[in-house]
Amino acid sequence: MKGLTVSAHVEPDSTSRLVVFDNFVIVRVGGRDVEITLLATPGTSAVLRDLARTANEAAEVLDKLADCSTDSDV
């Protein structure tokens, strides 16, 4: 990976979108004040699939954490 390391909080109103060009794609994730942009070229699809898999794992963990906090509120 080339570039800068950044961190940002994902909020409930965060959005993501795909922009397709002739020889690369851009994946944008952002909210009101911050946007993270990933530029990907042919040959990097496995990296994007791994990122998607990791994001799904993170979502599952967050779902479980929310279920646990709901269960403890009962």
PDB file of N, CA and C in Angstrom:
ATOM      1  N   MET A   1       0.853  -1.163   0.000  1.00  0.00           N
ATOM      2  CA  MET A   1       0.000   0.000   0.000  1.00  0.00           C
ATOM      3  C   MET A   1       0.899   1.226   0.000  1.00  0.00           C
ATOM      4  N   LYS A   2       0.515   2.191  -0.750  1.00  0.00           N
ATOM      5  CA  LYS A   2       1.245   3.452  -0.804  1.00  0.00           C
ATOM      6  C   LYS A   2       0.402   4.531  -0.163  1.00  0.00           C
ATOM      7  N   GLY A   3       1.013   5.422   0.564  1.00  0.00           N
ATOM      8  CA  GLY A   3       0.250   6.560   1.059  1.00  0.00           C
ATOM      9  C   GLY A   3       0.351   6.768   2.537  1.00  0.00           C
ATOM     10  N   LEU A   4      -0.654   7.381   3.065  1.00  0.00           N
ATOM     11  CA  LEU A   4      -0.724   7.898   4.417  1.00  0.00           C
ATOM     12  C   LEU A   4      -1.631   7.027   5.267  1.00  0.00           C
ATOM     13  N   THR A   5      -1.292   6.870   6.536  1.00  0.00           N
ATOM     14  CA  THR A   5      -2.155   6.153   7.459  1.00  0.00           C
ATOM     15  C   THR A   5      -3.074   7.149   8.145  1.00  0.00           C
ATOM     16  N   VAL A   6      -4.366   6.855   8.115  1.00  0.00           N
ATOM     17  CA  VAL A   6      -5.359   7.720   8.761  1.00  0.00           C
ATOM     18  C   VAL A   6      -6.322   6.860   9.564  1.00  0.00           C
ATOM     19  N   SER A   7      -6.996   7.498  10.489  1.00  0.00           N
ATOM     20  CA  SER A   7      -8.077   6.814  11.192  1.00  0.00           C
ATOM     21  C   SER A   7      -9.249   7.777  11.297  1.00  0.00           C
ATOM     22  N   ALA A   8     -10.430   7.204  11.307  1.00  0.00           N
ATOM     23  CA  ALA A   8     -11.645   7.998  11.421  1.00  0.00           C
ATOM     24  C   ALA A   8     -12.712   7.123  12.058  1.00  0.00           C
ATOM     25  N   HIS A   9     -13.614   7.737  12.750  1.00  0.00           N
ATOM     26  CA  HIS A   9     -14.719   7.006  13.360  1.00  0.00           C
ATOM     27  C   HIS A   9     -15.812   6.778  12.327  1.00  0.00           C
ATOM     28  N   VAL A  10     -16.266   5.558  12.238  1.00  0.00           N
ATOM     29  CA  VAL A  10     -17.418   5.247  11.406  1.00  0.00           C
ATOM     30  C   VAL A  10     -18.654   5.607  12.227  1.00  0.00           C
ATOM     31  N   GLU A  11     -19.527   6.370  11.646  1.00  0.00           N
ATOM     32  CA  GLU A  11     -20.755   6.799  12.309  1.00  0.00           C
ATOM     33  C   GLU A  11     -21.952   6.165  11.608  1.00  0.00           C
ATOM     34  N   PRO A  12     -23.106   6.124  12.257  1.00  0.00           N
ATOM     35  CA  PRO A  12     -24.285   5.518  11.620  1.00  0.00           C
ATOM     36  C   PRO A  12     -24.658   6.151  10.282  1.00  0.00           C
ATOM     37  N   ASP A  13     -24.299   7.415  10.074  1.00  0.00           N
ATOM     38  CA  ASP A  13     -24.641   8.066   8.804  1.00  0.00           C
ATOM     39  C   ASP A  13     -23.504   8.028   7.782  1.00  0.00           C
ATOM     40  N   SER A  14     -22.448   7.261   8.074  1.00  0.00           N
ATOM     41  CA  SER A  14     -21.348   7.132   7.118  1.00  0.00           C
ATOM     42  C   SER A  14     -21.845   6.413   5.861  1.00  0.00           C
ATOM     43  N   THR A  15     -21.271   6.781   4.741  1.00  0.00           N
ATOM     44  CA  THR A  15     -21.676   6.180   3.470  1.00  0.00           C
ATOM     45  C   THR A  15     -20.455   5.605   2.761  1.00  0.00           C
ATOM     46  N   SER A  16     -20.721   4.741   1.814  1.00  0.00           N
ATOM     47  CA  SER A  16     -19.647   4.233   0.958  1.00  0.00           C
ATOM     48  C   SER A  16     -20.153   4.224  -0.475  1.00  0.00           C
ATOM     49  N   ARG A  17     -19.211   4.399  -1.391  1.00  0.00           N
ATOM     50  CA  ARG A  17     -19.593   4.361  -2.801  1.00  0.00           C
ATOM     51  C   ARG A  17     -18.402   3.946  -3.643  1.00  0.00           C
ATOM     52  N   LEU A  18     -18.710   3.484  -4.827  1.00  0.00           N
ATOM     53  CA  LEU A  18     -17.718   3.027  -5.787  1.00  0.00           C
ATOM     54  C   LEU A  18     -17.745   3.954  -6.992  1.00  0.00           C
ATOM     55  N   VAL A  19     -16.559   4.353  -7.429  1.00  0.00           N
ATOM     56  CA  VAL A  19     -16.420   5.150  -8.649  1.00  0.00           C
ATOM     57  C   VAL A  19     -15.532   4.345  -9.596  1.00  0.00           C
ATOM     58  N   VAL A  20     -16.014   4.107 -10.824  1.00  0.00           N
ATOM     59  CA  VAL A  20     -15.291   3.277 -11.785  1.00  0.00           C
ATOM     60  C   VAL A  20     -14.719   4.145 -12.893  1.00  0.00           C
ATOM     61  N   PHE A  21     -13.439   3.969 -13.156  1.00  0.00           N
ATOM     62  CA  PHE A  21     -12.764   4.637 -14.256  1.00  0.00           C
ATOM     63  C   PHE A  21     -12.310   3.577 -15.255  1.00  0.00           C
ATOM     64  N   ASP A  22     -11.652   3.980 -16.320  1.00  0.00           N
ATOM     65  CA  ASP A  22     -11.215   3.028 -17.348  1.00  0.00           C
ATOM     66  C   ASP A  22     -10.250   1.978 -16.818  1.00  0.00           C
ATOM     67  N   ASN A  23      -9.286   2.378 -16.010  1.00  0.00           N
ATOM     68  CA  ASN A  23      -8.252   1.424 -15.590  1.00  0.00           C
ATOM     69  C   ASN A  23      -8.054   1.357 -14.074  1.00  0.00           C
ATOM     70  N   PHE A  24      -8.985   1.875 -13.297  1.00  0.00           N
ATOM     71  CA  PHE A  24      -8.928   1.742 -11.848  1.00  0.00           C
ATOM     72  C   PHE A  24     -10.295   2.063 -11.258  1.00  0.00           C
ATOM     73  N   VAL A  25     -10.440   1.747  -9.977  1.00  0.00           N
ATOM     74  CA  VAL A  25     -11.667   2.071  -9.252  1.00  0.00           C
ATOM     75  C   VAL A  25     -11.298   2.848  -7.995  1.00  0.00           C
ATOM     76  N   ILE A  26     -12.259   3.563  -7.485  1.00  0.00           N
ATOM     77  CA  ILE A  26     -12.107   4.269  -6.216  1.00  0.00           C
ATOM     78  C   ILE A  26     -13.230   3.806  -5.298  1.00  0.00           C
ATOM     79  N   VAL A  27     -12.858   3.433  -4.084  1.00  0.00           N
ATOM     80  CA  VAL A  27     -13.832   3.108  -3.047  1.00  0.00           C
ATOM     81  C   VAL A  27     -13.756   4.238  -2.033  1.00  0.00           C
ATOM     82  N   ARG A  28     -14.888   4.908  -1.815  1.00  0.00           N
ATOM     83  CA  ARG A  28     -14.937   6.039  -0.883  1.00  0.00           C
ATOM     84  C   ARG A  28     -15.814   5.675   0.311  1.00  0.00           C
ATOM     85  N   VAL A  29     -15.319   5.991   1.491  1.00  0.00           N
ATOM     86  CA  VAL A  29     -16.075   5.823   2.728  1.00  0.00           C
ATOM     87  C   VAL A  29     -15.992   7.150   3.450  1.00  0.00           C
ATOM     88  N   GLY A  30     -17.134   7.680   3.825  1.00  0.00           N
ATOM     89  CA  GLY A  30     -17.066   8.973   4.477  1.00  0.00           C
ATOM     90  C   GLY A  30     -18.325   9.380   5.192  1.00  0.00           C
ATOM     91  N   GLY A  31     -18.194  10.540   5.772  1.00  0.00           N
ATOM     92  CA  GLY A  31     -19.292  11.158   6.488  1.00  0.00           C
ATOM     93  C   GLY A  31     -19.285  12.639   6.194  1.00  0.00           C
ATOM     94  N   ARG A  32     -19.640  13.419   7.193  1.00  0.00           N
ATOM     95  CA  ARG A  32     -19.735  14.854   6.987  1.00  0.00           C
ATOM     96  C   ARG A  32     -18.376  15.522   6.808  1.00  0.00           C
ATOM     97  N   ASP A  33     -17.419  15.189   7.658  1.00  0.00           N
ATOM     98  CA  ASP A  33     -16.155  15.925   7.670  1.00  0.00           C
ATOM     99  C   ASP A  33     -14.958  15.161   7.124  1.00  0.00           C
ATOM    100  N   VAL A  34     -15.052  13.847   7.052  1.00  0.00           N
ATOM    101  CA  VAL A  34     -13.904  13.022   6.678  1.00  0.00           C
ATOM    102  C   VAL A  34     -14.314  12.050   5.584  1.00  0.00           C
ATOM    103  N   GLU A  35     -13.430  11.849   4.621  1.00  0.00           N
ATOM    104  CA  GLU A  35     -13.651  10.824   3.605  1.00  0.00           C
ATOM    105  C   GLU A  35     -12.337  10.070   3.399  1.00  0.00           C
ATOM    106  N   ILE A  36     -12.435   8.762   3.412  1.00  0.00           N
ATOM    107  CA  ILE A  36     -11.284   7.915   3.114  1.00  0.00           C
ATOM    108  C   ILE A  36     -11.488   7.375   1.703  1.00  0.00           C
ATOM    109  N   THR A  37     -10.480   7.502   0.873  1.00  0.00           N
ATOM    110  CA  THR A  37     -10.564   7.076  -0.522  1.00  0.00           C
ATOM    111  C   THR A  37      -9.490   6.033  -0.788  1.00  0.00           C
ATOM    112  N   LEU A  38      -9.904   4.894  -1.309  1.00  0.00           N
ATOM    113  CA  LEU A  38      -8.973   3.843  -1.709  1.00  0.00           C
ATOM    114  C   LEU A  38      -8.978   3.752  -3.223  1.00  0.00           C
ATOM    115  N   LEU A  39      -7.816   3.882  -3.827  1.00  0.00           N
ATOM    116  CA  LEU A  39      -7.673   3.725  -5.273  1.00  0.00           C
ATOM    117  C   LEU A  39      -7.124   2.333  -5.528  1.00  0.00           C
ATOM    118  N   ALA A  40      -7.793   1.581  -6.388  1.00  0.00           N
ATOM    119  CA  ALA A  40      -7.376   0.207  -6.655  1.00  0.00           C
ATOM    120  C   ALA A  40      -7.269  -0.029  -8.163  1.00  0.00           C
ATOM    121  N   THR A  41      -6.206  -0.699  -8.539  1.00  0.00           N
ATOM    122  CA  THR A  41      -5.941  -0.982  -9.946  1.00  0.00           C
ATOM    123  C   THR A  41      -6.096  -2.480 -10.206  1.00  0.00           C
ATOM    124  N   PRO A  42      -6.167  -2.872 -11.472  1.00  0.00           N
ATOM    125  CA  PRO A  42      -6.218  -4.310 -11.771  1.00  0.00           C
ATOM    126  C   PRO A  42      -5.070  -5.046 -11.068  1.00  0.00           C
ATOM    127  N   GLY A  43      -5.389  -6.206 -10.548  1.00  0.00           N
ATOM    128  CA  GLY A  43      -4.394  -6.979  -9.799  1.00  0.00           C
ATOM    129  C   GLY A  43      -4.543  -6.828  -8.295  1.00  0.00           C
ATOM    130  N   THR A  44      -5.424  -5.923  -7.854  1.00  0.00           N
ATOM    131  CA  THR A  44      -5.599  -5.707  -6.416  1.00  0.00           C
ATOM    132  C   THR A  44      -6.967  -6.175  -5.915  1.00  0.00           C
ATOM    133  N   SER A  45      -7.697  -6.891  -6.739  1.00  0.00           N
ATOM    134  CA  SER A  45      -9.043  -7.314  -6.339  1.00  0.00           C
ATOM    135  C   SER A  45      -9.025  -8.198  -5.094  1.00  0.00           C
ATOM    136  N   ALA A  46      -7.995  -9.022  -4.923  1.00  0.00           N
ATOM    137  CA  ALA A  46      -7.911  -9.876  -3.733  1.00  0.00           C
ATOM    138  C   ALA A  46      -7.813  -9.030  -2.464  1.00  0.00           C
ATOM    139  N   VAL A  47      -7.131  -7.921  -2.554  1.00  0.00           N
ATOM    140  CA  VAL A  47      -7.009  -7.027  -1.398  1.00  0.00           C
ATOM    141  C   VAL A  47      -8.375  -6.442  -1.038  1.00  0.00           C
ATOM    142  N   LEU A  48      -9.145  -6.027  -2.043  1.00  0.00           N
ATOM    143  CA  LEU A  48     -10.481  -5.483  -1.780  1.00  0.00           C
ATOM    144  C   LEU A  48     -11.403  -6.564  -1.225  1.00  0.00           C
ATOM    145  N   ARG A  49     -11.285  -7.786  -1.728  1.00  0.00           N
ATOM    146  CA  ARG A  49     -12.098  -8.881  -1.174  1.00  0.00           C
ATOM    147  C   ARG A  49     -11.735  -9.141   0.279  1.00  0.00           C
ATOM    148  N   ASP A  50     -10.444  -9.089   0.599  1.00  0.00           N
ATOM    149  CA  ASP A  50     -10.007  -9.282   1.976  1.00  0.00           C
ATOM    150  C   ASP A  50     -10.519  -8.142   2.867  1.00  0.00           C
ATOM    151  N   LEU A  51     -10.477  -6.936   2.356  1.00  0.00           N
ATOM    152  CA  LEU A  51     -11.012  -5.788   3.092  1.00  0.00           C
ATOM    153  C   LEU A  51     -12.508  -5.979   3.358  1.00  0.00           C
ATOM    154  N   ALA A  52     -13.246  -6.430   2.354  1.00  0.00           N
ATOM    155  CA  ALA A  52     -14.679  -6.679   2.520  1.00  0.00           C
ATOM    156  C   ALA A  52     -14.928  -7.774   3.558  1.00  0.00           C
ATOM    157  N   ARG A  53     -14.125  -8.827   3.514  1.00  0.00           N
ATOM    158  CA  ARG A  53     -14.262  -9.913   4.486  1.00  0.00           C
ATOM    159  C   ARG A  53     -14.004  -9.402   5.893  1.00  0.00           C
ATOM    160  N   THR A  54     -12.958  -8.612   6.048  1.00  0.00           N
ATOM    161  CA  THR A  54     -12.618  -8.062   7.356  1.00  0.00           C
ATOM    162  C   THR A  54     -13.704  -7.110   7.848  1.00  0.00           C
ATOM    163  N   ALA A  55     -14.255  -6.300   6.953  1.00  0.00           N
ATOM    164  CA  ALA A  55     -15.345  -5.392   7.332  1.00  0.00           C
ATOM    165  C   ALA A  55     -16.571  -6.188   7.771  1.00  0.00           C
ATOM    166  N   ASN A  56     -16.872  -7.287   7.087  1.00  0.00           N
ATOM    167  CA  ASN A  56     -17.993  -8.137   7.502  1.00  0.00           C
ATOM    168  C   ASN A  56     -17.750  -8.753   8.875  1.00  0.00           C
ATOM    169  N   GLU A  57     -16.526  -9.193   9.131  1.00  0.00           N
ATOM    170  CA  GLU A  57     -16.188  -9.732  10.448  1.00  0.00           C
ATOM    171  C   GLU A  57     -16.382  -8.665  11.522  1.00  0.00           C
ATOM    172  N   ALA A  58     -15.926  -7.462  11.248  1.00  0.00           N
ATOM    173  CA  ALA A  58     -16.075  -6.367  12.208  1.00  0.00           C
ATOM    174  C   ALA A  58     -17.547  -6.074  12.473  1.00  0.00           C
ATOM    175  N   ALA A  59     -18.369  -6.099  11.424  1.00  0.00           N
ATOM    176  CA  ALA A  59     -19.806  -5.860  11.585  1.00  0.00           C
ATOM    177  C   ALA A  59     -20.444  -6.944  12.456  1.00  0.00           C
ATOM    178  N   GLU A  60     -20.028  -8.183  12.258  1.00  0.00           N
ATOM    179  CA  GLU A  60     -20.557  -9.274  13.081  1.00  0.00           C
ATOM    180  C   GLU A  60     -20.184  -9.089  14.549  1.00  0.00           C
ATOM    181  N   VAL A  61     -18.950  -8.675  14.806  1.00  0.00           N
ATOM    182  CA  VAL A  61     -18.520  -8.422  16.186  1.00  0.00           C
ATOM    183  C   VAL A  61     -19.353  -7.295  16.790  1.00  0.00           C
ATOM    184  N   LEU A  62     -19.568  -6.223  16.033  1.00  0.00           N
ATOM    185  CA  LEU A  62     -20.378  -5.113  16.536  1.00  0.00           C
ATOM    186  C   LEU A  62     -21.814  -5.546  16.809  1.00  0.00           C
ATOM    187  N   ASP A  63     -22.370  -6.386  15.938  1.00  0.00           N
ATOM    188  CA  ASP A  63     -23.716  -6.921  16.175  1.00  0.00           C
ATOM    189  C   ASP A  63     -23.769  -7.714  17.479  1.00  0.00           C
ATOM    190  N   LYS A  64     -22.770  -8.539  17.711  1.00  0.00           N
ATOM    191  CA  LYS A  64     -22.719  -9.331  18.951  1.00  0.00           C
ATOM    192  C   LYS A  64     -22.569  -8.425  20.166  1.00  0.00           C
ATOM    193  N   LEU A  65     -21.726  -7.396  20.053  1.00  0.00           N
ATOM    194  CA  LEU A  65     -21.568  -6.451  21.161  1.00  0.00           C
ATOM    195  C   LEU A  65     -22.887  -5.737  21.457  1.00  0.00           C
ATOM    196  N   ALA A  66     -23.605  -5.359  20.409  1.00  0.00           N
ATOM    197  CA  ALA A  66     -24.902  -4.702  20.613  1.00  0.00           C
ATOM    198  C   ALA A  66     -25.893  -5.656  21.256  1.00  0.00           C
ATOM    199  N   ASP A  67     -25.888  -6.938  20.829  1.00  0.00           N
ATOM    200  CA  ASP A  67     -26.780  -7.932  21.432  1.00  0.00           C
ATOM    201  C   ASP A  67     -26.452  -8.123  22.893  1.00  0.00           C
ATOM    202  N   CYS A  68     -25.167  -8.163  23.214  1.00  0.00           N
ATOM    203  CA  CYS A  68     -24.743  -8.356  24.607  1.00  0.00           C
ATOM    204  C   CYS A  68     -25.176  -7.165  25.472  1.00  0.00           C
ATOM    205  N   SER A  69     -25.033  -5.971  24.951  1.00  0.00           N
ATOM    206  CA  SER A  69     -25.412  -4.798  25.747  1.00  0.00           C
ATOM    207  C   SER A  69     -26.929  -4.730  25.894  1.00  0.00           C
ATOM    208  N   THR A  70     -27.685  -5.181  24.897  1.00  0.00           N
ATOM    209  CA  THR A  70     -29.143  -5.232  24.998  1.00  0.00           C
ATOM    210  C   THR A  70     -29.561  -6.284  26.022  1.00  0.00           C
ATOM    211  N   ASP A  71     -28.876  -7.454  25.995  1.00  0.00           N
ATOM    212  CA  ASP A  71     -29.188  -8.507  26.956  1.00  0.00           C
ATOM    213  C   ASP A  71     -28.913  -8.068  28.383  1.00  0.00           C
ATOM    214  N   SER A  72     -27.855  -7.279  28.601  1.00  0.00           N
ATOM    215  CA  SER A  72     -27.522  -6.845  29.951  1.00  0.00           C
ATOM    216  C   SER A  72     -28.448  -5.742  30.447  1.00  0.00           C
ATOM    217  N   ASP A  73     -29.171  -5.103  29.507  1.00  0.00           N
ATOM    218  CA  ASP A  73     -30.111  -4.055  29.902  1.00  0.00           C
ATOM    219  C   ASP A  73     -31.428  -4.633  30.416  1.00  0.00           C
ATOM    220  N   VAL A  74     -31.632  -5.949  30.197  1.00  0.00           N
ATOM    221  CA  VAL A  74     -32.906  -6.576  30.564  1.00  0.00           C
ATOM    222  C   VAL A  74     -32.942  -6.920  32.005  1.00  0.00           C
TER     223      VAL A  74
END
